[in-house]
Amino acid sequence: VALAFDLRGHGQSGGVRGLVSQERGTDDAISAVEFLVQQPEVDATRIGILGHSLGATIALCAAARDPRVKCVIAMAVTTRIADELKPGEYPLYRLVEFLGRVVRAVTGKPLLVPYRVKYTDIINDPQRARVAEEKGFLQRTFVSDTIAHLLEQDTLLCAPKVRVPTLIMVGGQDRV
């Protein structure tokens, strides 16, 4: 049995599009495990979890918190998103985070920030990057409320607590 689910704010789920955090995502993953173990066709002693990018962090954190998770696959995991920023980006993101709070206070709406990752940043093959772009694989914006959560993201808070078989997969250009 396999279950693919959308974190809050992703895909077909409810919630603000692009509002993510390590804690909320971990809670969502544990809720998915809870759902799975209640299904009669599921062997609750053999639950595994797989995640990609921030989802890999979430998978590791869910395994660290929930003993029902018996194995993990973490693909393209980052240790800390803040460590991935280019020089000067950290104060810029903090400024945008502040402006987002001002915009929300004045308008009641979130500030949408362009998503800086391009298809060619994550897909080396130009043809595959073009196909992914045609399908709209990457979101174009995220809400500024997410910035604080992303700058606090830290896989190393969870990874040392994982006590189940774990496969970590990274690409040749990843810096993990």
N, C-alpha and C. Protein backbone atom coordinates (compact mmCIF):
# COMPACT_ATOMS: atom_id res chain seq x y z
N VAL A 1 0.85 -1.17 0.00
CA VAL A 1 0.00 0.00 0.00
C VAL A 1 0.90 1.23 0.00
N ALA A 2 0.55 2.19 -0.80
CA ALA A 2 1.30 3.45 -0.83
C ALA A 2 0.31 4.60 -0.70
N LEU A 3 0.71 5.62 -0.01
CA LEU A 3 -0.11 6.81 0.14
C LEU A 3 0.72 8.02 -0.26
N ALA A 4 0.25 8.75 -1.23
CA ALA A 4 0.85 10.03 -1.59
C ALA A 4 -0.12 11.11 -1.12
N PHE A 5 0.38 12.08 -0.40
CA PHE A 5 -0.50 13.12 0.11
C PHE A 5 0.15 14.48 -0.09
N ASP A 6 -0.67 15.50 -0.09
CA ASP A 6 -0.19 16.87 -0.22
C ASP A 6 -0.11 17.51 1.16
N LEU A 7 1.04 18.09 1.46
CA LEU A 7 1.15 18.88 2.68
C LEU A 7 0.17 20.04 2.59
N ARG A 8 -0.22 20.56 3.74
CA ARG A 8 -1.07 21.76 3.73
C ARG A 8 -0.41 22.84 2.86
N GLY A 9 -1.22 23.45 2.00
CA GLY A 9 -0.71 24.51 1.13
C GLY A 9 -0.03 24.02 -0.13
N HIS A 10 -0.11 22.73 -0.40
CA HIS A 10 0.50 22.14 -1.60
C HIS A 10 -0.56 21.36 -2.38
N GLY A 11 -0.36 21.29 -3.68
CA GLY A 11 -1.20 20.44 -4.52
C GLY A 11 -2.69 20.69 -4.31
N GLN A 12 -3.42 19.63 -4.00
CA GLN A 12 -4.86 19.70 -3.86
C GLN A 12 -5.32 19.95 -2.42
N SER A 13 -4.39 20.13 -1.50
CA SER A 13 -4.78 20.31 -0.10
C SER A 13 -5.28 21.73 0.15
N GLY A 14 -5.90 21.91 1.30
CA GLY A 14 -6.30 23.24 1.71
C GLY A 14 -5.11 23.97 2.32
N GLY A 15 -5.34 25.17 2.71
CA GLY A 15 -4.28 25.97 3.32
C GLY A 15 -3.70 26.96 2.34
N VAL A 16 -2.91 27.86 2.86
CA VAL A 16 -2.29 28.91 2.04
C VAL A 16 -1.19 28.29 1.18
N ARG A 17 -1.29 28.47 -0.13
CA ARG A 17 -0.31 27.92 -1.06
C ARG A 17 1.07 28.48 -0.74
N GLY A 18 2.03 27.58 -0.57
CA GLY A 18 3.41 28.00 -0.37
C GLY A 18 3.77 28.31 1.07
N LEU A 19 2.83 28.18 2.01
CA LEU A 19 3.17 28.41 3.42
C LEU A 19 3.62 27.07 3.99
N VAL A 20 4.90 26.95 4.24
CA VAL A 20 5.47 25.69 4.71
C VAL A 20 6.31 25.91 5.95
N SER A 21 6.40 24.86 6.74
CA SER A 21 7.33 24.86 7.86
C SER A 21 7.68 23.43 8.18
N GLN A 22 8.83 23.24 8.75
CA GLN A 22 9.29 21.91 9.14
C GLN A 22 8.31 21.29 10.14
N GLU A 23 7.85 22.06 11.10
CA GLU A 23 6.95 21.54 12.14
C GLU A 23 5.58 21.18 11.56
N ARG A 24 4.99 22.07 10.76
CA ARG A 24 3.68 21.78 10.17
C ARG A 24 3.75 20.57 9.26
N GLY A 25 4.81 20.50 8.44
CA GLY A 25 4.98 19.37 7.54
C GLY A 25 5.14 18.06 8.29
N THR A 26 5.90 18.10 9.38
CA THR A 26 6.07 16.89 10.20
C THR A 26 4.74 16.47 10.79
N ASP A 27 3.97 17.42 11.28
CA ASP A 27 2.63 17.10 11.79
C ASP A 27 1.76 16.47 10.70
N ASP A 28 1.83 17.01 9.48
CA ASP A 28 1.05 16.46 8.37
C ASP A 28 1.48 15.03 8.05
N ALA A 29 2.79 14.78 8.05
CA ALA A 29 3.30 13.44 7.76
C ALA A 29 2.85 12.44 8.83
N ILE A 30 2.89 12.87 10.08
CA ILE A 30 2.45 11.98 11.16
C ILE A 30 0.95 11.72 11.06
N SER A 31 0.18 12.72 10.63
CA SER A 31 -1.25 12.50 10.39
C SER A 31 -1.46 11.49 9.27
N ALA A 32 -0.61 11.52 8.25
CA ALA A 32 -0.71 10.55 7.17
C ALA A 32 -0.40 9.14 7.69
N VAL A 33 0.60 9.02 8.57
CA VAL A 33 0.90 7.72 9.18
C VAL A 33 -0.29 7.24 9.99
N GLU A 34 -0.89 8.14 10.75
CA GLU A 34 -2.08 7.79 11.54
C GLU A 34 -3.19 7.26 10.65
N PHE A 35 -3.43 7.92 9.52
CA PHE A 35 -4.43 7.46 8.57
C PHE A 35 -4.09 6.06 8.06
N LEU A 36 -2.82 5.88 7.67
CA LEU A 36 -2.41 4.59 7.11
C LEU A 36 -2.61 3.45 8.09
N VAL A 37 -2.20 3.62 9.34
CA VAL A 37 -2.27 2.49 10.28
C VAL A 37 -3.72 2.10 10.58
N GLN A 38 -4.66 2.97 10.28
CA GLN A 38 -6.07 2.65 10.51
C GLN A 38 -6.70 1.89 9.34
N GLN A 39 -5.96 1.75 8.24
CA GLN A 39 -6.49 1.05 7.07
C GLN A 39 -6.32 -0.45 7.25
N PRO A 40 -7.37 -1.24 7.04
CA PRO A 40 -7.28 -2.68 7.30
C PRO A 40 -6.26 -3.40 6.42
N GLU A 41 -5.99 -2.90 5.23
CA GLU A 41 -5.06 -3.57 4.34
C GLU A 41 -3.59 -3.22 4.60
N VAL A 42 -3.34 -2.36 5.58
CA VAL A 42 -1.98 -1.90 5.88
C VAL A 42 -1.39 -2.69 7.04
N ASP A 43 -0.18 -3.17 6.85
CA ASP A 43 0.58 -3.79 7.93
C ASP A 43 1.24 -2.66 8.71
N ALA A 44 0.68 -2.31 9.83
CA ALA A 44 1.13 -1.15 10.61
C ALA A 44 2.54 -1.33 11.17
N THR A 45 3.10 -2.52 11.06
CA THR A 45 4.46 -2.74 11.54
C THR A 45 5.50 -2.50 10.44
N ARG A 46 5.02 -2.11 9.24
CA ARG A 46 5.93 -1.95 8.11
C ARG A 46 5.69 -0.61 7.40
N ILE A 47 5.63 0.45 8.15
CA ILE A 47 5.39 1.78 7.57
C ILE A 47 6.74 2.43 7.24
N GLY A 48 6.88 2.86 6.01
CA GLY A 48 8.05 3.62 5.58
C GLY A 48 7.61 4.98 5.09
N ILE A 49 8.53 5.91 5.06
CA ILE A 49 8.19 7.26 4.61
C ILE A 49 9.31 7.77 3.71
N LEU A 50 8.91 8.45 2.63
CA LEU A 50 9.84 8.99 1.65
C LEU A 50 9.54 10.46 1.47
N GLY A 51 10.57 11.27 1.36
CA GLY A 51 10.38 12.69 1.10
C GLY A 51 11.50 13.24 0.23
N HIS A 52 11.21 14.34 -0.44
CA HIS A 52 12.17 15.00 -1.32
C HIS A 52 12.35 16.44 -0.88
N SER A 53 13.59 16.92 -0.82
CA SER A 53 13.93 18.29 -0.46
C SER A 53 13.43 18.59 0.96
N LEU A 54 12.60 19.61 1.13
CA LEU A 54 12.06 19.86 2.47
C LEU A 54 11.23 18.67 2.94
N GLY A 55 10.61 17.95 2.00
CA GLY A 55 9.88 16.73 2.35
C GLY A 55 10.80 15.67 2.93
N ALA A 56 12.08 15.67 2.53
CA ALA A 56 13.04 14.73 3.10
C ALA A 56 13.31 15.08 4.56
N THR A 57 13.42 16.36 4.85
CA THR A 57 13.56 16.80 6.25
C THR A 57 12.34 16.36 7.04
N ILE A 58 11.17 16.58 6.47
CA ILE A 58 9.92 16.21 7.13
C ILE A 58 9.86 14.70 7.37
N ALA A 59 10.30 13.91 6.40
CA ALA A 59 10.31 12.46 6.57
C ALA A 59 11.22 12.06 7.73
N LEU A 60 12.40 12.65 7.80
CA LEU A 60 13.32 12.35 8.90
C LEU A 60 12.74 12.78 10.24
N CYS A 61 12.12 13.95 10.28
CA CYS A 61 11.53 14.44 11.54
C CYS A 61 10.35 13.57 11.97
N ALA A 62 9.55 13.13 11.00
CA ALA A 62 8.42 12.24 11.34
C ALA A 62 8.95 10.93 11.92
N ALA A 63 10.00 10.38 11.31
CA ALA A 63 10.58 9.13 11.82
C ALA A 63 11.18 9.34 13.21
N ALA A 64 11.74 10.50 13.45
CA ALA A 64 12.32 10.79 14.77
C ALA A 64 11.25 10.88 15.85
N ARG A 65 10.06 11.36 15.47
CA ARG A 65 8.99 11.57 16.45
C ARG A 65 8.01 10.41 16.57
N ASP A 66 7.85 9.62 15.50
CA ASP A 66 6.79 8.61 15.49
C ASP A 66 7.39 7.22 15.37
N PRO A 67 7.31 6.42 16.41
CA PRO A 67 7.92 5.08 16.37
C PRO A 67 7.22 4.12 15.40
N ARG A 68 6.08 4.51 14.85
CA ARG A 68 5.41 3.65 13.86
C ARG A 68 6.13 3.68 12.52
N VAL A 69 6.97 4.68 12.29
CA VAL A 69 7.75 4.76 11.06
C VAL A 69 8.96 3.85 11.21
N LYS A 70 9.08 2.87 10.31
CA LYS A 70 10.11 1.84 10.43
C LYS A 70 11.29 2.01 9.48
N CYS A 71 11.16 2.89 8.48
CA CYS A 71 12.28 3.19 7.59
C CYS A 71 12.01 4.51 6.88
N VAL A 72 13.09 5.11 6.38
CA VAL A 72 12.99 6.43 5.75
C VAL A 72 13.84 6.45 4.48
N ILE A 73 13.33 7.12 3.46
CA ILE A 73 14.13 7.49 2.30
C ILE A 73 14.06 9.01 2.21
N ALA A 74 15.22 9.65 2.28
CA ALA A 74 15.31 11.11 2.22
C ALA A 74 16.09 11.47 0.95
N MET A 75 15.38 12.08 -0.01
CA MET A 75 15.99 12.42 -1.29
C MET A 75 16.23 13.92 -1.39
N ALA A 76 17.44 14.30 -1.80
CA ALA A 76 17.82 15.70 -2.01
C ALA A 76 17.56 16.54 -0.75
N VAL A 77 17.90 15.98 0.39
CA VAL A 77 17.68 16.67 1.66
C VAL A 77 18.72 17.79 1.83
N THR A 78 18.28 18.87 2.42
CA THR A 78 19.21 19.93 2.80
C THR A 78 19.38 19.88 4.31
N THR A 79 20.53 20.31 4.79
CA THR A 79 20.70 20.35 6.24
C THR A 79 19.97 21.58 6.79
N ARG A 80 20.35 22.74 6.31
CA ARG A 80 19.68 24.00 6.69
C ARG A 80 19.51 24.84 5.44
N ILE A 81 18.28 25.26 5.18
CA ILE A 81 18.03 26.10 4.01
C ILE A 81 18.81 27.40 4.13
N ALA A 82 18.94 27.93 5.33
CA ALA A 82 19.69 29.18 5.52
C ALA A 82 21.13 29.05 5.03
N ASP A 83 21.70 27.83 5.12
CA ASP A 83 23.07 27.60 4.66
C ASP A 83 23.17 27.61 3.14
N GLU A 84 22.04 27.48 2.45
CA GLU A 84 22.03 27.43 0.99
C GLU A 84 21.95 28.83 0.36
N LEU A 85 21.75 29.85 1.19
CA LEU A 85 21.59 31.21 0.66
C LEU A 85 22.92 31.77 0.16
N LYS A 86 22.82 32.61 -0.85
CA LYS A 86 24.00 33.29 -1.38
C LYS A 86 24.35 34.45 -0.45
N PRO A 87 25.59 34.94 -0.51
CA PRO A 87 25.97 36.07 0.34
C PRO A 87 25.00 37.25 0.17
N GLY A 88 24.57 37.81 1.27
CA GLY A 88 23.66 38.96 1.24
C GLY A 88 22.18 38.61 1.20
N GLU A 89 21.86 37.35 0.92
CA GLU A 89 20.45 36.98 0.82
C GLU A 89 19.76 36.91 2.18
N TYR A 90 20.46 36.50 3.22
CA TYR A 90 19.83 36.36 4.53
C TYR A 90 19.21 37.68 5.01
N PRO A 91 19.97 38.80 5.04
CA PRO A 91 19.32 40.05 5.47
C PRO A 91 18.21 40.51 4.53
N LEU A 92 18.36 40.20 3.24
CA LEU A 92 17.31 40.56 2.29
C LEU A 92 16.02 39.80 2.59
N TYR A 93 16.14 38.49 2.87
CA TYR A 93 14.96 37.71 3.22
C TYR A 93 14.33 38.21 4.52
N ARG A 94 15.15 38.59 5.49
CA ARG A 94 14.60 39.12 6.74
C ARG A 94 13.87 40.44 6.49
N LEU A 95 14.38 41.27 5.59
CA LEU A 95 13.70 42.52 5.23
C LEU A 95 12.36 42.21 4.56
N VAL A 96 12.34 41.26 3.65
CA VAL A 96 11.08 40.89 2.97
C VAL A 96 10.10 40.32 3.99
N GLU A 97 10.60 39.54 4.94
CA GLU A 97 9.74 39.01 6.00
C GLU A 97 9.08 40.16 6.79
N PHE A 98 9.87 41.18 7.14
CA PHE A 98 9.33 42.35 7.85
C PHE A 98 8.30 43.07 6.99
N LEU A 99 8.62 43.30 5.72
CA LEU A 99 7.68 43.98 4.82
C LEU A 99 6.39 43.17 4.68
N GLY A 100 6.52 41.87 4.67
CA GLY A 100 5.33 41.01 4.61
C GLY A 100 4.42 41.21 5.81
N ARG A 101 5.02 41.37 6.99
CA ARG A 101 4.19 41.62 8.19
C ARG A 101 3.49 42.97 8.07
N VAL A 102 4.17 43.96 7.51
CA VAL A 102 3.56 45.28 7.32
C VAL A 102 2.40 45.18 6.31
N VAL A 103 2.65 44.51 5.19
CA VAL A 103 1.61 44.36 4.16
C VAL A 103 0.39 43.64 4.74
N ARG A 104 0.62 42.57 5.52
CA ARG A 104 -0.49 41.83 6.11
C ARG A 104 -1.26 42.73 7.09
N ALA A 105 -0.54 43.52 7.89
CA ALA A 105 -1.20 44.40 8.86
C ALA A 105 -2.05 45.45 8.17
N VAL A 106 -1.57 45.97 7.04
CA VAL A 106 -2.28 47.04 6.33
C VAL A 106 -3.41 46.49 5.46
N THR A 107 -3.15 45.38 4.74
CA THR A 107 -4.12 44.89 3.77
C THR A 107 -4.90 43.66 4.24
N GLY A 108 -4.36 42.96 5.24
CA GLY A 108 -4.96 41.70 5.67
C GLY A 108 -4.63 40.54 4.76
N LYS A 109 -3.76 40.77 3.78
CA LYS A 109 -3.39 39.74 2.82
C LYS A 109 -1.88 39.48 2.90
N PRO A 110 -1.48 38.26 2.53
CA PRO A 110 -0.05 37.97 2.57
C PRO A 110 0.70 38.60 1.40
N LEU A 111 1.96 38.86 1.62
CA LEU A 111 2.84 39.34 0.55
C LEU A 111 3.37 38.12 -0.19
N LEU A 112 3.19 38.10 -1.52
CA LEU A 112 3.70 37.01 -2.34
C LEU A 112 5.09 37.38 -2.85
N VAL A 113 6.01 36.45 -2.69
CA VAL A 113 7.41 36.67 -3.04
C VAL A 113 7.77 35.74 -4.19
N PRO A 114 8.47 36.25 -5.22
CA PRO A 114 8.88 35.35 -6.31
C PRO A 114 9.78 34.23 -5.78
N TYR A 115 9.55 33.04 -6.30
CA TYR A 115 10.35 31.88 -5.94
C TYR A 115 11.61 31.92 -6.78
N ARG A 116 12.78 31.99 -6.16
CA ARG A 116 14.03 32.23 -6.91
C ARG A 116 14.60 31.01 -7.59
N VAL A 117 14.16 29.82 -7.24
CA VAL A 117 14.72 28.61 -7.83
C VAL A 117 14.17 28.46 -9.25
N LYS A 118 15.09 28.25 -10.19
CA LYS A 118 14.72 28.05 -11.58
C LYS A 118 14.84 26.56 -11.91
N TYR A 119 14.19 26.15 -12.96
CA TYR A 119 14.23 24.74 -13.36
C TYR A 119 15.66 24.27 -13.60
N THR A 120 16.47 25.12 -14.21
CA THR A 120 17.85 24.74 -14.49
C THR A 120 18.69 24.66 -13.21
N ASP A 121 18.21 25.19 -12.10
CA ASP A 121 18.92 25.06 -10.83
C ASP A 121 18.82 23.64 -10.27
N ILE A 122 17.74 22.95 -10.61
CA ILE A 122 17.51 21.63 -10.01
C ILE A 122 17.50 20.49 -11.02
N ILE A 123 17.47 20.82 -12.32
CA ILE A 123 17.45 19.79 -13.36
C ILE A 123 18.57 20.11 -14.36
N ASN A 124 19.55 19.23 -14.44
CA ASN A 124 20.71 19.49 -15.31
C ASN A 124 20.41 19.29 -16.78
N ASP A 125 19.51 18.41 -17.13
CA ASP A 125 19.19 18.10 -18.52
C ASP A 125 18.24 19.18 -19.05
N PRO A 126 18.66 19.98 -20.04
CA PRO A 126 17.81 21.07 -20.55
C PRO A 126 16.44 20.61 -21.06
N GLN A 127 16.38 19.45 -21.71
CA GLN A 127 15.10 18.96 -22.22
C GLN A 127 14.16 18.62 -21.06
N ARG A 128 14.68 17.95 -20.03
CA ARG A 128 13.84 17.62 -18.88
C ARG A 128 13.44 18.87 -18.11
N ALA A 129 14.33 19.86 -18.05
CA ALA A 129 13.98 21.12 -17.39
C ALA A 129 12.83 21.80 -18.13
N ARG A 130 12.88 21.76 -19.47
CA ARG A 130 11.82 22.37 -20.28
C ARG A 130 10.49 21.65 -20.06
N VAL A 131 10.51 20.31 -20.00
CA VAL A 131 9.28 19.54 -19.77
C VAL A 131 8.71 19.88 -18.39
N ALA A 132 9.58 19.94 -17.38
CA ALA A 132 9.11 20.28 -16.03
C ALA A 132 8.50 21.68 -16.01
N GLU A 133 9.12 22.61 -16.73
CA GLU A 133 8.59 23.98 -16.78
C GLU A 133 7.23 24.01 -17.48
N GLU A 134 7.09 23.25 -18.56
CA GLU A 134 5.81 23.19 -19.27
C GLU A 134 4.70 22.64 -18.38
N LYS A 135 5.05 21.73 -17.48
CA LYS A 135 4.07 21.15 -16.56
C LYS A 135 3.83 22.02 -15.34
N GLY A 136 4.61 23.09 -15.18
CA GLY A 136 4.43 23.96 -14.02
C GLY A 136 4.84 23.29 -12.71
N PHE A 137 5.91 22.51 -12.77
CA PHE A 137 6.37 21.75 -11.61
C PHE A 137 6.70 22.64 -10.41
N LEU A 138 7.35 23.76 -10.63
CA LEU A 138 7.72 24.66 -9.54
C LEU A 138 6.66 25.73 -9.33
N GLN A 139 6.43 26.09 -8.09
CA GLN A 139 5.53 27.20 -7.84
C GLN A 139 6.27 28.50 -8.19
N ARG A 140 5.53 29.51 -8.56
CA ARG A 140 6.14 30.77 -8.98
C ARG A 140 6.36 31.73 -7.81
N THR A 141 5.54 31.60 -6.78
CA THR A 141 5.65 32.49 -5.63
C THR A 141 5.46 31.70 -4.34
N PHE A 142 5.84 32.32 -3.23
CA PHE A 142 5.53 31.78 -1.91
C PHE A 142 5.15 32.96 -1.03
N VAL A 143 4.47 32.69 0.06
CA VAL A 143 4.04 33.78 0.94
C VAL A 143 5.19 34.15 1.87
N SER A 144 5.31 35.44 2.12
CA SER A 144 6.43 35.93 2.95
C SER A 144 6.38 35.36 4.36
N ASP A 145 5.21 34.92 4.82
CA ASP A 145 5.09 34.31 6.15
C ASP A 145 5.97 33.06 6.28
N THR A 146 6.31 32.46 5.15
CA THR A 146 7.11 31.24 5.14
C THR A 146 8.59 31.51 5.45
N ILE A 147 9.05 32.71 5.20
CA ILE A 147 10.48 33.00 5.31
C ILE A 147 11.04 32.62 6.68
N ALA A 148 10.38 33.05 7.75
CA ALA A 148 10.90 32.73 9.09
C ALA A 148 11.00 31.23 9.29
N HIS A 149 9.99 30.49 8.83
CA HIS A 149 10.00 29.03 8.97
C HIS A 149 11.15 28.40 8.19
N LEU A 150 11.37 28.89 6.96
CA LEU A 150 12.42 28.31 6.14
C LEU A 150 13.80 28.63 6.69
N LEU A 151 13.98 29.84 7.22
CA LEU A 151 15.27 30.20 7.77
C LEU A 151 15.56 29.47 9.08
N GLU A 152 14.52 28.95 9.73
CA GLU A 152 14.70 28.17 10.95
C GLU A 152 14.81 26.68 10.67
N GLN A 153 14.50 26.25 9.43
CA GLN A 153 14.53 24.83 9.08
C GLN A 153 15.91 24.27 9.38
N ASP A 154 15.94 23.10 10.03
CA ASP A 154 17.21 22.48 10.39
C ASP A 154 17.03 20.97 10.50
N THR A 155 17.43 20.26 9.49
CA THR A 155 17.32 18.80 9.48
C THR A 155 18.11 18.18 10.62
N LEU A 156 19.18 18.84 11.03
CA LEU A 156 20.04 18.28 12.08
C LEU A 156 19.37 18.27 13.45
N LEU A 157 18.23 18.94 13.59
CA LEU A 157 17.46 18.84 14.83
C LEU A 157 16.78 17.49 14.94
N CYS A 158 16.48 16.87 13.80
CA CYS A 158 15.75 15.59 13.77
C CYS A 158 16.64 14.40 13.43
N ALA A 159 17.52 14.56 12.46
CA ALA A 159 18.26 13.41 11.92
C ALA A 159 18.98 12.59 12.98
N PRO A 160 19.64 13.18 13.97
CA PRO A 160 20.33 12.35 14.96
C PRO A 160 19.39 11.51 15.82
N LYS A 161 18.10 11.83 15.80
CA LYS A 161 17.13 11.10 16.62
C LYS A 161 16.48 9.94 15.86
N VAL A 162 16.78 9.80 14.58
CA VAL A 162 16.20 8.73 13.77
C VAL A 162 16.91 7.43 14.13
N ARG A 163 16.14 6.42 14.46
CA ARG A 163 16.69 5.14 14.91
C ARG A 163 16.21 3.97 14.05
N VAL A 164 15.88 4.26 12.80
CA VAL A 164 15.40 3.22 11.89
C VAL A 164 16.27 3.24 10.64
N PRO A 165 16.26 2.16 9.85
CA PRO A 165 17.03 2.16 8.60
C PRO A 165 16.66 3.37 7.74
N THR A 166 17.70 4.05 7.23
CA THR A 166 17.49 5.30 6.50
C THR A 166 18.40 5.32 5.28
N LEU A 167 17.82 5.65 4.13
CA LEU A 167 18.57 5.84 2.91
C LEU A 167 18.51 7.32 2.56
N ILE A 168 19.67 7.94 2.45
CA ILE A 168 19.73 9.35 2.05
C ILE A 168 20.32 9.40 0.65
N MET A 169 19.56 10.00 -0.26
CA MET A 169 19.97 10.09 -1.64
C MET A 169 20.19 11.56 -2.00
N VAL A 170 21.38 11.84 -2.54
CA VAL A 170 21.68 13.20 -2.98
C VAL A 170 22.30 13.16 -4.36
N GLY A 171 22.19 14.25 -5.06
CA GLY A 171 22.80 14.36 -6.39
C GLY A 171 24.26 14.74 -6.29
N GLY A 172 24.97 14.55 -7.38
CA GLY A 172 26.39 14.84 -7.41
C GLY A 172 26.72 16.30 -7.12
N GLN A 173 25.80 17.21 -7.38
CA GLN A 173 26.06 18.63 -7.12
C GLN A 173 25.48 19.10 -5.79
N ASP A 174 24.79 18.23 -5.07
CA ASP A 174 24.25 18.61 -3.75
C ASP A 174 25.40 18.77 -2.78
N ARG A 175 25.22 19.66 -1.78
CA ARG A 175 26.29 19.95 -0.83
C ARG A 175 26.02 19.34 0.53
N VAL A 176 25.18 18.34 0.64
CA VAL A 176 24.88 17.75 1.96
C VAL A 176 26.07 16.94 2.42
